[in-house]
Amino acid sequence: MTALPKTAGVYELANVQYQVIFIGGCENLDLRLHQHLYTKDPCLSRAWHFRFEEHLSPAERARELLEEHRQEHGVLPDCQR
């Protein structure tokens, strides 16, 4: 796995079919991905793909992405319902 930046940003976790199951924001992308890799949460453990965007206001950007997802799909991602 390629090293991720240790900077603030937003990320999406997707299942094996590339369906987004979680959208989040954090202050350290590298640390947060590693936390998700070793989660015991049954929903988040379905994540196979990870996409990120560095951002100075991760909480605000994550809210925007969640709203975009809700508008496009009619619901929030599976692990955030």
Protein backbone atom coordinates (compact mmCIF):
# COMPACT_ATOMS: atom_id res chain seq x y z
CA MET A 1 0.00 0.00 0.00
CA THR A 2 1.23 3.48 -0.86
CA ALA A 3 1.87 5.77 2.09
CA LEU A 4 -0.86 8.32 2.66
CA PRO A 5 -0.31 11.91 3.75
CA LYS A 6 -0.44 12.63 7.44
CA THR A 7 -2.54 15.71 6.71
CA ALA A 8 -6.18 16.69 7.15
CA GLY A 9 -8.68 15.55 4.59
CA VAL A 10 -11.79 13.64 3.68
CA TYR A 11 -12.11 10.05 2.59
CA GLU A 12 -14.56 7.51 1.26
CA LEU A 13 -14.58 3.82 2.03
CA ALA A 14 -16.14 1.57 -0.60
CA ASN A 15 -17.02 -2.11 -0.72
CA VAL A 16 -15.72 -4.63 -3.24
CA GLN A 17 -18.30 -3.39 -5.79
CA TYR A 18 -16.96 0.19 -5.36
CA GLN A 19 -20.16 1.32 -3.61
CA VAL A 20 -19.38 4.02 -1.05
CA ILE A 21 -20.20 2.74 2.44
CA PHE A 22 -18.68 5.54 4.57
CA ILE A 23 -17.60 9.16 4.15
CA GLY A 24 -15.47 10.81 6.81
CA GLY A 25 -13.16 13.66 7.62
CA CYS A 26 -10.04 13.58 9.77
CA GLU A 27 -6.89 15.44 10.74
CA ASN A 28 -4.51 12.62 9.71
CA LEU A 29 -5.48 10.52 6.67
CA ASP A 30 -2.72 7.95 7.19
CA LEU A 31 -3.67 7.27 10.82
CA ARG A 32 -7.39 7.15 10.07
CA LEU A 33 -7.02 4.59 7.28
CA HIS A 34 -4.97 2.36 9.53
CA GLN A 35 -7.66 2.63 12.21
CA HIS A 36 -10.26 1.52 9.67
CA LEU A 37 -8.07 -1.36 8.47
CA TYR A 38 -8.10 -2.88 11.95
CA THR A 39 -11.70 -2.09 12.92
CA LYS A 40 -13.99 -4.63 14.51
CA ASP A 41 -17.04 -2.75 13.19
CA PRO A 42 -18.89 -5.25 10.96
CA CYS A 43 -20.09 -2.57 8.56
CA LEU A 44 -16.74 -0.83 8.12
CA SER A 45 -14.90 -4.14 7.83
CA ARG A 46 -16.58 -4.54 4.40
CA ALA A 47 -14.37 -1.74 3.03
CA TRP A 48 -12.06 -2.78 0.20
CA HIS A 49 -11.33 0.58 -1.40
CA PHE A 50 -10.25 3.93 -0.02
CA ARG A 51 -10.26 7.29 -1.77
CA PHE A 52 -9.13 10.56 -0.23
CA GLU A 53 -8.83 14.29 -0.77
CA GLU A 54 -6.60 16.54 1.29
CA HIS A 55 -8.63 19.44 2.69
CA LEU A 56 -8.07 22.15 5.29
CA SER A 57 -11.67 21.88 6.59
CA PRO A 58 -12.34 18.13 6.64
CA ALA A 59 -15.54 18.23 8.72
CA GLU A 60 -17.15 20.79 6.43
CA ARG A 61 -16.05 18.96 3.26
CA ALA A 62 -17.27 15.61 4.65
CA ARG A 63 -20.72 17.15 5.26
CA GLU A 64 -20.74 18.37 1.64
CA LEU A 65 -19.83 14.91 0.32
CA LEU A 66 -22.47 13.25 2.50
CA GLU A 67 -25.11 15.62 1.18
CA GLU A 68 -23.99 15.00 -2.43
CA HIS A 69 -24.22 11.24 -1.81
CA ARG A 70 -27.68 11.58 -0.28
CA GLN A 71 -28.92 13.67 -3.21
CA GLU A 72 -27.48 11.28 -5.79
CA HIS A 73 -28.55 8.01 -4.12
CA GLY A 74 -31.49 9.07 -1.96
CA VAL A 75 -29.82 7.73 1.21
CA LEU A 76 -26.65 8.12 3.22
CA PRO A 77 -23.86 5.53 2.79
CA ASP A 78 -24.64 2.11 4.33
CA CYS A 79 -22.46 2.54 7.43
CA GLN A 80 -23.94 5.96 8.22
CA ARG A 81 -27.65 5.15 8.23
